[in-house]
Amino acid sequence: MSLQKIQNFLKEHQQDILEFWVEGRYVNYIRTINRNNGLITMIKVIGYKIASEEEMGGKTFLLEKIEHGYEDYSDKLILLYDTFIKIFPENKQHFLLQMSNYLMDDRDNIYRILNFTNSHYQTVHWIINLEWFYDNLNMVEHEVNRLHVTICKKTEQMYEKFIENYVNFMNKPEHDVQIVQRVWHRYKEQNTIFMNGKKLYLDIAKLENNIKREYLEMDSFHTTTSFNFNESLRKSHEKKELRKKLSNLMQIRHKAMKELNIHWNLSYHILLEFLFFITEITVILSRFHTLFVELENMIPPSIKD
């Protein structure tokens, strides 16, 4: 399959391309924003032998698979991956984990991102196989939205359950609990920023589509209808103005895409760290409770009373 063919296919199905992820000569993943719902997806195209090109119409990240025995990534990459899988086992096939310049599909497929330099970066990429995308065009938006909503809802449920236990455990709850709550509020604020950015992007994309439709209708009408000189001049001016509007909107949409991508990634960065913290502290709290009960059992019942 050619690169041009896949680009046209994605464009026809309302996908704006953000990034290409390339291993060797071929594209492994294409990251897109859906113009109808503003959600970001990583489309897996491994096996289709889509050759990369110097200019592909999106940012390009270069991947190098890490061979067994040459692992140089942080242990936290595996810990974050295991934490996410433990909490969302049903989504194991639907995500890639990125931490710094490493991309993890599963334990056997970890890549080094050769041209990525942000050492504090971590996020989750929702992944859809190209074949599934093609066979389920009418379900893509629903499925990606369902995954996102499921993650956000489960995270909120975990927070609400955790914070009560954490308050009861701490000797000085005010300060430490406030820290947890402040991080949670930051996550919620970041989600709000993302939702506002998503609305802006969708409004721009909708307006751009409407103007594009108007331009094409005018162009078609202009080529099939005879006008006098003045009328032709007026129609040409109107088309020129529409082209100018389209050009401006395209620039604004690209800027909105970049902003939306930043806030999506930051939201999942906080979510990953938060889930890791809750999971680790919950294990500690559970272990503490068990140890305390065992210690308490050393006291004879008559003394307890």
C-alpha atoms as a PDB file:
ATOM      1  CA  MET A   1       0.000   0.000   0.000  1.00  0.00           C
ATOM      2  CA  SER A   2       1.332   3.436  -0.896  1.00  0.00           C
ATOM      3  CA  LEU A   3       1.669   6.300   1.558  1.00  0.00           C
ATOM      4  CA  GLN A   4      -0.510   8.509  -0.635  1.00  0.00           C
ATOM      5  CA  LYS A   5      -3.272   5.903  -0.649  1.00  0.00           C
ATOM      6  CA  ILE A   6      -3.387   5.585   3.144  1.00  0.00           C
ATOM      7  CA  GLN A   7      -3.265   9.386   3.550  1.00  0.00           C
ATOM      8  CA  ASN A   8      -6.219   9.791   1.181  1.00  0.00           C
ATOM      9  CA  PHE A   9      -8.127   6.993   2.938  1.00  0.00           C
ATOM     10  CA  LEU A  10      -7.672   8.601   6.370  1.00  0.00           C
ATOM     11  CA  LYS A  11      -8.578  12.036   5.050  1.00  0.00           C
ATOM     12  CA  GLU A  12     -11.771  10.667   3.492  1.00  0.00           C
ATOM     13  CA  HIS A  13     -12.737   9.274   6.903  1.00  0.00           C
ATOM     14  CA  GLN A  14     -12.250  12.478   8.856  1.00  0.00           C
ATOM     15  CA  GLN A  15      -8.771  11.769  10.259  1.00  0.00           C
ATOM     16  CA  ASP A  16      -6.223  14.596  10.539  1.00  0.00           C
ATOM     17  CA  ILE A  17      -2.701  13.165  10.630  1.00  0.00           C
ATOM     18  CA  LEU A  18      -0.526  14.250  13.568  1.00  0.00           C
ATOM     19  CA  GLU A  19       2.504  11.973  13.341  1.00  0.00           C
ATOM     20  CA  PHE A  20       4.113   9.067  11.514  1.00  0.00           C
ATOM     21  CA  TRP A  21       6.062   6.493  13.560  1.00  0.00           C
ATOM     22  CA  VAL A  22       8.632   4.815  11.333  1.00  0.00           C
ATOM     23  CA  GLU A  23      10.827   1.744  11.857  1.00  0.00           C
ATOM     24  CA  GLY A  24      13.506   1.379   9.212  1.00  0.00           C
ATOM     25  CA  ARG A  25      11.962   2.040   5.814  1.00  0.00           C
ATOM     26  CA  TYR A  26       8.357   1.446   6.781  1.00  0.00           C
ATOM     27  CA  VAL A  27       5.630   3.205   8.748  1.00  0.00           C
ATOM     28  CA  ASN A  28       4.492   1.293  11.869  1.00  0.00           C
ATOM     29  CA  TYR A  29       1.892   3.692  13.247  1.00  0.00           C
ATOM     30  CA  ILE A  30       0.005   6.797  12.131  1.00  0.00           C
ATOM     31  CA  ARG A  31      -1.328   9.049  14.892  1.00  0.00           C
ATOM     32  CA  THR A  32      -4.486  10.974  14.014  1.00  0.00           C
ATOM     33  CA  ILE A  33      -7.176  13.284  15.393  1.00  0.00           C
ATOM     34  CA  ASN A  34     -10.760  12.496  14.472  1.00  0.00           C
ATOM     35  CA  ARG A  35     -12.450  15.572  12.992  1.00  0.00           C
ATOM     36  CA  ASN A  36     -15.855  14.462  14.312  1.00  0.00           C
ATOM     37  CA  ASN A  37     -15.029  13.826  17.984  1.00  0.00           C
ATOM     38  CA  GLY A  38     -11.562  15.325  18.568  1.00  0.00           C
ATOM     39  CA  LEU A  39     -10.108  12.109  20.014  1.00  0.00           C
ATOM     40  CA  ILE A  40      -6.588  10.974  19.224  1.00  0.00           C
ATOM     41  CA  THR A  41      -5.798   7.473  17.943  1.00  0.00           C
ATOM     42  CA  MET A  42      -2.682   5.547  16.921  1.00  0.00           C
ATOM     43  CA  ILE A  43      -3.471   3.498  13.804  1.00  0.00           C
ATOM     44  CA  LYS A  44      -1.301   0.400  13.496  1.00  0.00           C
ATOM     45  CA  VAL A  45      -0.166  -0.260   9.928  1.00  0.00           C
ATOM     46  CA  ILE A  46       2.606  -2.802  10.590  1.00  0.00           C
ATOM     47  CA  GLY A  47       2.619  -5.447   7.872  1.00  0.00           C
ATOM     48  CA  TYR A  48       1.275  -3.205   5.102  1.00  0.00           C
ATOM     49  CA  LYS A  49       4.812  -2.148   4.094  1.00  0.00           C
ATOM     50  CA  ILE A  50       3.947   1.515   3.733  1.00  0.00           C
ATOM     51  CA  ALA A  51       7.273   3.043   2.716  1.00  0.00           C
ATOM     52  CA  SER A  52       8.193   6.264   4.470  1.00  0.00           C
ATOM     53  CA  GLU A  53       9.054   9.390   2.509  1.00  0.00           C
ATOM     54  CA  GLU A  54      11.078  12.484   3.283  1.00  0.00           C
ATOM     55  CA  GLU A  55       7.996  14.721   3.297  1.00  0.00           C
ATOM     56  CA  MET A  56       4.914  12.945   4.652  1.00  0.00           C
ATOM     57  CA  GLY A  57       2.654  15.782   5.790  1.00  0.00           C
ATOM     58  CA  GLY A  58       3.116  15.228   9.518  1.00  0.00           C
ATOM     59  CA  LYS A  59       5.776  14.951  12.179  1.00  0.00           C
ATOM     60  CA  THR A  60       7.894  11.793  11.938  1.00  0.00           C
ATOM     61  CA  PHE A  61       9.287   9.775  14.840  1.00  0.00           C
ATOM     62  CA  LEU A  62      11.982   7.176  14.143  1.00  0.00           C
ATOM     63  CA  LEU A  63      11.729   3.819  15.938  1.00  0.00           C
ATOM     64  CA  GLU A  64      14.355   1.200  16.686  1.00  0.00           C
ATOM     65  CA  LYS A  65      13.260  -2.078  18.223  1.00  0.00           C
ATOM     66  CA  ILE A  66      15.179  -2.997  21.364  1.00  0.00           C
ATOM     67  CA  GLU A  67      16.590  -6.500  21.108  1.00  0.00           C
ATOM     68  CA  HIS A  68      16.729  -8.892  24.043  1.00  0.00           C
ATOM     69  CA  GLY A  69      19.826  -8.302  26.120  1.00  0.00           C
ATOM     70  CA  TYR A  70      20.131  -4.644  25.084  1.00  0.00           C
ATOM     71  CA  GLU A  71      17.473  -3.189  27.393  1.00  0.00           C
ATOM     72  CA  ASP A  72      18.503   0.259  28.562  1.00  0.00           C
ATOM     73  CA  TYR A  73      15.158   1.670  29.653  1.00  0.00           C
ATOM     74  CA  SER A  74      14.063   2.519  33.192  1.00  0.00           C
ATOM     75  CA  ASP A  75      12.361  -0.105  35.358  1.00  0.00           C
ATOM     76  CA  LYS A  76       9.508   2.364  35.724  1.00  0.00           C
ATOM     77  CA  LEU A  77       8.523   1.757  32.099  1.00  0.00           C
ATOM     78  CA  ILE A  78       7.669  -1.843  32.980  1.00  0.00           C
ATOM     79  CA  LEU A  79       6.051  -0.815  36.290  1.00  0.00           C
ATOM     80  CA  LEU A  80       3.794   1.704  34.543  1.00  0.00           C
ATOM     81  CA  TYR A  81       2.891  -0.839  31.871  1.00  0.00           C
ATOM     82  CA  ASP A  82       2.071  -3.525  34.469  1.00  0.00           C
ATOM     83  CA  THR A  83       0.055  -1.041  36.520  1.00  0.00           C
ATOM     84  CA  PHE A  84      -2.062  -0.049  33.520  1.00  0.00           C
ATOM     85  CA  ILE A  85      -2.587  -3.659  32.453  1.00  0.00           C
ATOM     86  CA  LYS A  86      -3.589  -4.674  35.985  1.00  0.00           C
ATOM     87  CA  ILE A  87      -6.209  -1.932  36.204  1.00  0.00           C
ATOM     88  CA  PHE A  88      -7.480  -2.238  32.608  1.00  0.00           C
ATOM     89  CA  PRO A  89      -6.767  -5.844  31.521  1.00  0.00           C
ATOM     90  CA  GLU A  90      -9.540  -5.728  28.919  1.00  0.00           C
ATOM     91  CA  ASN A  91      -7.675  -2.963  27.074  1.00  0.00           C
ATOM     92  CA  LYS A  92      -4.330  -4.742  26.767  1.00  0.00           C
ATOM     93  CA  GLN A  93      -4.545  -4.852  22.979  1.00  0.00           C
ATOM     94  CA  HIS A  94      -5.713  -1.276  22.653  1.00  0.00           C
ATOM     95  CA  PHE A  95      -2.853   0.834  23.931  1.00  0.00           C
ATOM     96  CA  LEU A  96       0.812   1.710  23.585  1.00  0.00           C
ATOM     97  CA  LEU A  97       2.693   3.161  26.525  1.00  0.00           C
ATOM     98  CA  GLN A  98       5.240   5.896  25.922  1.00  0.00           C
ATOM     99  CA  MET A  99       7.717   6.998  28.580  1.00  0.00           C
ATOM    100  CA  SER A 100      10.439   9.415  27.564  1.00  0.00           C
ATOM    101  CA  ASN A 101      12.020   8.098  24.351  1.00  0.00           C
ATOM    102  CA  TYR A 102      10.614   4.578  24.682  1.00  0.00           C
ATOM    103  CA  LEU A 103       7.437   3.152  23.157  1.00  0.00           C
ATOM    104  CA  MET A 104       6.065  -0.102  24.576  1.00  0.00           C
ATOM    105  CA  ASP A 105       3.556  -2.295  22.755  1.00  0.00           C
ATOM    106  CA  ASP A 106       4.067  -5.293  25.028  1.00  0.00           C
ATOM    107  CA  ARG A 107       6.991  -6.947  26.826  1.00  0.00           C
ATOM    108  CA  ASP A 108       8.321  -8.360  23.552  1.00  0.00           C
ATOM    109  CA  ASN A 109       7.955  -5.188  21.523  1.00  0.00           C
ATOM    110  CA  ILE A 110       9.662  -2.145  23.012  1.00  0.00           C
ATOM    111  CA  TYR A 111      11.065   0.571  20.775  1.00  0.00           C
ATOM    112  CA  ARG A 112      13.585   3.324  21.282  1.00  0.00           C
ATOM    113  CA  ILE A 113      12.412   6.640  19.755  1.00  0.00           C
ATOM    114  CA  LEU A 114      15.587   7.937  18.170  1.00  0.00           C
ATOM    115  CA  ASN A 115      14.528  11.551  17.680  1.00  0.00           C
ATOM    116  CA  PHE A 116      12.570  12.157  20.905  1.00  0.00           C
ATOM    117  CA  THR A 117      14.378  14.052  23.664  1.00  0.00           C
ATOM    118  CA  ASN A 118      11.818  14.898  26.401  1.00  0.00           C
ATOM    119  CA  SER A 119      12.965  12.760  29.350  1.00  0.00           C
ATOM    120  CA  HIS A 120       9.909  13.695  31.498  1.00  0.00           C
ATOM    121  CA  TYR A 121       7.307  12.681  28.939  1.00  0.00           C
ATOM    122  CA  GLN A 122       4.826   9.839  29.414  1.00  0.00           C
ATOM    123  CA  THR A 123       1.450   9.109  27.866  1.00  0.00           C
ATOM    124  CA  VAL A 124      -0.913   6.432  26.579  1.00  0.00           C
ATOM    125  CA  HIS A 125      -1.629   6.020  22.868  1.00  0.00           C
ATOM    126  CA  TRP A 126      -4.917   4.348  21.930  1.00  0.00           C
ATOM    127  CA  ILE A 127      -4.235   1.870  19.173  1.00  0.00           C
ATOM    128  CA  ILE A 128      -6.481   0.564  16.375  1.00  0.00           C
ATOM    129  CA  ASN A 129      -5.396  -1.863  13.665  1.00  0.00           C
ATOM    130  CA  LEU A 130      -5.884  -0.544  10.137  1.00  0.00           C
ATOM    131  CA  GLU A 131      -7.815  -3.684   9.156  1.00  0.00           C
ATOM    132  CA  TRP A 132     -10.233  -3.220  12.079  1.00  0.00           C
ATOM    133  CA  PHE A 133     -10.542   0.473  11.225  1.00  0.00           C
ATOM    134  CA  TYR A 134     -11.475  -0.401   7.632  1.00  0.00           C
ATOM    135  CA  ASP A 135     -13.971  -3.120   8.608  1.00  0.00           C
ATOM    136  CA  ASN A 136     -15.637  -1.042  11.329  1.00  0.00           C
ATOM    137  CA  LEU A 137     -15.735   2.485   9.912  1.00  0.00           C
ATOM    138  CA  ASN A 138     -19.095   3.205  11.519  1.00  0.00           C
ATOM    139  CA  MET A 139     -17.876   2.080  14.960  1.00  0.00           C
ATOM    140  CA  VAL A 140     -14.460   3.779  15.181  1.00  0.00           C
ATOM    141  CA  GLU A 141     -15.657   6.997  16.814  1.00  0.00           C
ATOM    142  CA  HIS A 142     -17.849   5.124  19.301  1.00  0.00           C
ATOM    143  CA  GLU A 143     -15.106   2.625  20.221  1.00  0.00           C
ATOM    144  CA  VAL A 144     -12.353   5.211  20.787  1.00  0.00           C
ATOM    145  CA  ASN A 145     -14.713   7.401  22.802  1.00  0.00           C
ATOM    146  CA  ARG A 146     -15.770   4.371  24.871  1.00  0.00           C
ATOM    147  CA  LEU A 147     -12.148   3.554  25.698  1.00  0.00           C
ATOM    148  CA  HIS A 148     -11.418   7.124  26.757  1.00  0.00           C
ATOM    149  CA  VAL A 149     -14.558   7.430  28.900  1.00  0.00           C
ATOM    150  CA  THR A 150     -13.915   4.036  30.520  1.00  0.00           C
ATOM    151  CA  ILE A 151     -10.393   5.046  31.565  1.00  0.00           C
ATOM    152  CA  CYS A 152     -11.489   8.412  32.965  1.00  0.00           C
ATOM    153  CA  LYS A 153     -14.429   6.922  34.854  1.00  0.00           C
ATOM    154  CA  LYS A 154     -12.399   4.055  36.357  1.00  0.00           C
ATOM    155  CA  THR A 155      -9.654   6.471  37.427  1.00  0.00           C
ATOM    156  CA  GLU A 156     -12.208   8.678  39.196  1.00  0.00           C
ATOM    157  CA  GLN A 157     -13.704   5.667  40.991  1.00  0.00           C
ATOM    158  CA  MET A 158     -10.242   4.597  42.152  1.00  0.00           C
ATOM    159  CA  TYR A 159      -9.477   8.088  43.418  1.00  0.00           C
ATOM    160  CA  GLU A 160     -12.711   8.341  45.432  1.00  0.00           C
ATOM    161  CA  LYS A 161     -12.145   4.941  47.042  1.00  0.00           C
ATOM    162  CA  PHE A 162      -8.466   5.599  47.699  1.00  0.00           C
ATOM    163  CA  ILE A 163      -8.698   9.054  49.233  1.00  0.00           C
ATOM    164  CA  GLU A 164     -10.948   7.885  52.069  1.00  0.00           C
ATOM    165  CA  ASN A 165      -8.552   5.082  53.037  1.00  0.00           C
ATOM    166  CA  TYR A 166      -5.582   7.406  52.703  1.00  0.00           C
ATOM    167  CA  VAL A 167      -7.117  10.010  55.041  1.00  0.00           C
ATOM    168  CA  ASN A 168      -7.730   7.368  57.694  1.00  0.00           C
ATOM    169  CA  PHE A 169      -4.176   6.055  57.412  1.00  0.00           C
ATOM    170  CA  MET A 170      -2.209   9.280  57.650  1.00  0.00           C
ATOM    171  CA  ASN A 171      -1.211  10.734  61.025  1.00  0.00           C
ATOM    172  CA  LYS A 172      -1.040  14.209  59.480  1.00  0.00           C
ATOM    173  CA  PRO A 173      -3.696  13.989  56.792  1.00  0.00           C
ATOM    174  CA  GLU A 174      -4.110  17.692  56.085  1.00  0.00           C
ATOM    175  CA  HIS A 175      -0.883  18.272  54.166  1.00  0.00           C
ATOM    176  CA  ASP A 176      -0.434  14.893  52.470  1.00  0.00           C
ATOM    177  CA  VAL A 177      -4.082  14.481  51.553  1.00  0.00           C
ATOM    178  CA  GLN A 178      -4.126  17.995  50.126  1.00  0.00           C
ATOM    179  CA  ILE A 179      -1.192  17.075  47.873  1.00  0.00           C
ATOM    180  CA  VAL A 180      -3.136  14.088  46.490  1.00  0.00           C
ATOM    181  CA  GLN A 181      -6.245  16.212  46.057  1.00  0.00           C
ATOM    182  CA  ARG A 182      -4.302  18.979  44.320  1.00  0.00           C
ATOM    183  CA  VAL A 183      -2.881  16.480  41.808  1.00  0.00           C
ATOM    184  CA  TRP A 184      -6.378  15.123  41.238  1.00  0.00           C
ATOM    185  CA  HIS A 185      -7.736  18.625  40.687  1.00  0.00           C
ATOM    186  CA  ARG A 186      -4.902  19.281  38.237  1.00  0.00           C
ATOM    187  CA  TYR A 187      -5.894  16.155  36.324  1.00  0.00           C
ATOM    188  CA  LYS A 188      -9.522  17.305  36.226  1.00  0.00           C
ATOM    189  CA  GLU A 189      -8.479  20.805  35.136  1.00  0.00           C
ATOM    190  CA  GLN A 190      -6.291  19.320  32.404  1.00  0.00           C
ATOM    191  CA  ASN A 191      -9.233  17.243  31.191  1.00  0.00           C
ATOM    192  CA  THR A 192     -11.354  20.407  31.105  1.00  0.00           C
ATOM    193  CA  ILE A 193      -8.678  22.202  29.068  1.00  0.00           C
ATOM    194  CA  PHE A 194      -8.589  19.223  26.700  1.00  0.00           C
ATOM    195  CA  MET A 195     -12.381  19.238  26.314  1.00  0.00           C
ATOM    196  CA  ASN A 196     -12.374  22.992  25.584  1.00  0.00           C
ATOM    197  CA  GLY A 197      -9.563  22.510  23.073  1.00  0.00           C
ATOM    198  CA  LYS A 198     -11.458  19.634  21.500  1.00  0.00           C
ATOM    199  CA  LYS A 199     -14.570  21.796  21.083  1.00  0.00           C
ATOM    200  CA  LEU A 200     -12.508  24.538  19.426  1.00  0.00           C
ATOM    201  CA  TYR A 201     -10.865  22.055  17.052  1.00  0.00           C
ATOM    202  CA  LEU A 202     -14.225  20.487  16.122  1.00  0.00           C
ATOM    203  CA  ASP A 203     -15.816  23.907  15.517  1.00  0.00           C
ATOM    204  CA  ILE A 204     -12.937  24.907  13.241  1.00  0.00           C
ATOM    205  CA  ALA A 205     -13.066  21.589  11.353  1.00  0.00           C
ATOM    206  CA  LYS A 206     -16.843  21.928  10.886  1.00  0.00           C
ATOM    207  CA  LEU A 207     -16.545  25.509   9.610  1.00  0.00           C
ATOM    208  CA  GLU A 208     -13.715  24.489   7.276  1.00  0.00           C
ATOM    209  CA  ASN A 209     -15.823  21.632   5.860  1.00  0.00           C
ATOM    210  CA  ASN A 210     -18.793  23.970   5.297  1.00  0.00           C
ATOM    211  CA  ILE A 211     -16.686  26.546   3.435  1.00  0.00           C
ATOM    212  CA  LYS A 212     -14.992  23.804   1.417  1.00  0.00           C
ATOM    213  CA  ARG A 213     -18.423  22.452   0.438  1.00  0.00           C
ATOM    214  CA  GLU A 214     -19.582  25.954  -0.549  1.00  0.00           C
ATOM    215  CA  TYR A 215     -16.440  26.448  -2.625  1.00  0.00           C
ATOM    216  CA  LEU A 216     -16.861  23.138  -4.475  1.00  0.00           C
ATOM    217  CA  GLU A 217     -20.530  23.863  -5.179  1.00  0.00           C
ATOM    218  CA  MET A 218     -19.647  27.318  -6.493  1.00  0.00           C
ATOM    219  CA  ASP A 219     -16.834  25.869  -8.611  1.00  0.00           C
ATOM    220  CA  SER A 220     -19.129  23.234 -10.092  1.00  0.00           C
ATOM    221  CA  PHE A 221     -21.843  25.803 -10.800  1.00  0.00           C
ATOM    222  CA  HIS A 222     -19.300  28.190 -12.313  1.00  0.00           C
ATOM    223  CA  THR A 223     -17.996  25.599 -14.796  1.00  0.00           C
ATOM    224  CA  THR A 224     -21.457  24.524 -15.992  1.00  0.00           C
ATOM    225  CA  THR A 225     -23.125  27.949 -16.258  1.00  0.00           C
ATOM    226  CA  SER A 226     -22.495  30.877 -18.587  1.00  0.00           C
ATOM    227  CA  PHE A 227     -22.091  34.343 -17.030  1.00  0.00           C
ATOM    228  CA  ASN A 228     -21.516  37.794 -18.420  1.00  0.00           C
ATOM    229  CA  PHE A 229     -18.203  39.521 -17.758  1.00  0.00           C
ATOM    230  CA  ASN A 230     -19.277  41.365 -14.578  1.00  0.00           C
ATOM    231  CA  GLU A 231     -20.952  38.300 -13.105  1.00  0.00           C
ATOM    232  CA  SER A 232     -17.896  36.158 -13.854  1.00  0.00           C
ATOM    233  CA  LEU A 233     -15.683  38.736 -12.201  1.00  0.00           C
ATOM    234  CA  ARG A 234     -17.884  38.772  -9.087  1.00  0.00           C
ATOM    235  CA  LYS A 235     -17.949  34.960  -8.887  1.00  0.00           C
ATOM    236  CA  SER A 236     -14.154  34.795  -9.274  1.00  0.00           C
ATOM    237  CA  HIS A 237     -13.765  37.298  -6.445  1.00  0.00           C
ATOM    238  CA  GLU A 238     -16.094  35.264  -4.207  1.00  0.00           C
ATOM    239  CA  LYS A 239     -14.090  32.102  -4.926  1.00  0.00           C
ATOM    240  CA  LYS A 240     -10.857  33.945  -4.135  1.00  0.00           C
ATOM    241  CA  GLU A 241     -12.281  35.085  -0.792  1.00  0.00           C
ATOM    242  CA  LEU A 242     -13.381  31.537   0.027  1.00  0.00           C
ATOM    243  CA  ARG A 243      -9.906  30.209  -0.820  1.00  0.00           C
ATOM    244  CA  LYS A 244      -8.415  32.818   1.511  1.00  0.00           C
ATOM    245  CA  LYS A 245     -10.792  31.797   4.317  1.00  0.00           C
ATOM    246  CA  LEU A 246      -9.932  28.135   3.776  1.00  0.00           C
ATOM    247  CA  SER A 247      -6.211  28.867   3.898  1.00  0.00           C
ATOM    248  CA  ASN A 248      -6.585  30.817   7.157  1.00  0.00           C
ATOM    249  CA  LEU A 249      -8.797  28.145   8.716  1.00  0.00           C
ATOM    250  CA  MET A 250      -6.335  25.412   7.788  1.00  0.00           C
ATOM    251  CA  GLN A 251      -3.553  27.259   9.628  1.00  0.00           C
ATOM    252  CA  ILE A 252      -5.795  27.767  12.667  1.00  0.00           C
ATOM    253  CA  ARG A 253      -6.850  24.098  12.615  1.00  0.00           C
ATOM    254  CA  HIS A 254      -3.219  22.913  12.518  1.00  0.00           C
ATOM    255  CA  LYS A 255      -2.437  25.122  15.507  1.00  0.00           C
ATOM    256  CA  ALA A 256      -5.508  23.766  17.351  1.00  0.00           C
ATOM    257  CA  MET A 257      -4.386  20.197  16.523  1.00  0.00           C
ATOM    258  CA  LYS A 258      -0.992  20.799  18.123  1.00  0.00           C
ATOM    259  CA  GLU A 259      -2.545  22.320  21.242  1.00  0.00           C
ATOM    260  CA  LEU A 260      -5.054  19.477  21.519  1.00  0.00           C
ATOM    261  CA  ASN A 261      -2.247  16.932  21.217  1.00  0.00           C
ATOM    262  CA  ILE A 262      -0.254  18.647  23.992  1.00  0.00           C
ATOM    263  CA  HIS A 263      -3.193  18.658  26.409  1.00  0.00           C
ATOM    264  CA  TRP A 264      -4.189  15.066  25.558  1.00  0.00           C
ATOM    265  CA  ASN A 265      -0.661  13.881  26.333  1.00  0.00           C
ATOM    266  CA  LEU A 266      -0.407  15.916  29.541  1.00  0.00           C
ATOM    267  CA  SER A 267      -3.752  14.571  30.751  1.00  0.00           C
ATOM    268  CA  TYR A 268      -2.566  10.984  30.286  1.00  0.00           C
ATOM    269  CA  HIS A 269       0.826  11.818  31.792  1.00  0.00           C
ATOM    270  CA  ILE A 270      -0.884  12.845  35.051  1.00  0.00           C
ATOM    271  CA  LEU A 271      -3.292   9.902  34.848  1.00  0.00           C
ATOM    272  CA  LEU A 272      -0.462   7.369  34.514  1.00  0.00           C
ATOM    273  CA  GLU A 273       1.467   8.808  37.467  1.00  0.00           C
ATOM    274  CA  PHE A 274      -1.693   8.994  39.539  1.00  0.00           C
ATOM    275  CA  LEU A 275      -2.702   5.393  38.840  1.00  0.00           C
ATOM    276  CA  PHE A 276       0.825   4.225  39.649  1.00  0.00           C
ATOM    277  CA  PHE A 277       0.777   6.134  42.952  1.00  0.00           C
ATOM    278  CA  ILE A 278      -2.663   4.822  43.966  1.00  0.00           C
ATOM    279  CA  THR A 279      -1.741   1.239  43.090  1.00  0.00           C
ATOM    280  CA  GLU A 280       1.552   1.299  45.001  1.00  0.00           C
ATOM    281  CA  ILE A 281       0.143   3.049  48.088  1.00  0.00           C
ATOM    282  CA  THR A 282      -2.896   0.742  48.144  1.00  0.00           C
ATOM    283  CA  VAL A 283      -0.548  -2.243  48.311  1.00  0.00           C
ATOM    284  CA  ILE A 284       1.304  -0.584  51.194  1.00  0.00           C
ATOM    285  CA  LEU A 285      -1.944   0.176  53.042  1.00  0.00           C
ATOM    286  CA  SER A 286      -3.153  -3.378  52.576  1.00  0.00           C
ATOM    287  CA  ARG A 287       0.152  -4.791  53.794  1.00  0.00           C
ATOM    288  CA  PHE A 288       0.120  -2.428  56.777  1.00  0.00           C
ATOM    289  CA  HIS A 289      -3.369  -3.575  57.744  1.00  0.00           C
ATOM    290  CA  THR A 290      -2.342  -7.237  57.512  1.00  0.00           C
ATOM    291  CA  LEU A 291       0.792  -6.677  59.613  1.00  0.00           C
ATOM    292  CA  PHE A 292      -1.157  -4.712  62.194  1.00  0.00           C
ATOM    293  CA  VAL A 293      -3.770  -7.465  62.564  1.00  0.00           C
ATOM    294  CA  GLU A 294      -1.029 -10.076  62.952  1.00  0.00           C
ATOM    295  CA  LEU A 295       0.629  -7.941  65.604  1.00  0.00           C
ATOM    296  CA  GLU A 296      -2.665  -7.371  67.383  1.00  0.00           C
ATOM    297  CA  ASN A 297      -3.247 -11.108  67.519  1.00  0.00           C
ATOM    298  CA  MET A 298      -0.247 -11.326  69.829  1.00  0.00           C
ATOM    299  CA  ILE A 299      -2.358  -9.666  72.535  1.00  0.00           C
ATOM    300  CA  PRO A 300      -4.523 -12.064  74.568  1.00  0.00           C
ATOM    301  CA  PRO A 301      -8.238 -11.326  74.252  1.00  0.00           C
ATOM    302  CA  SER A 302      -8.524 -10.533  77.968  1.00  0.00           C
ATOM    303  CA  ILE A 303      -5.875  -7.789  77.676  1.00  0.00           C
ATOM    304  CA  LYS A 304      -7.462  -6.321  74.545  1.00  0.00           C
ATOM    305  CA  ASP A 305     -10.622  -5.653  76.444  1.00  0.00           C
END
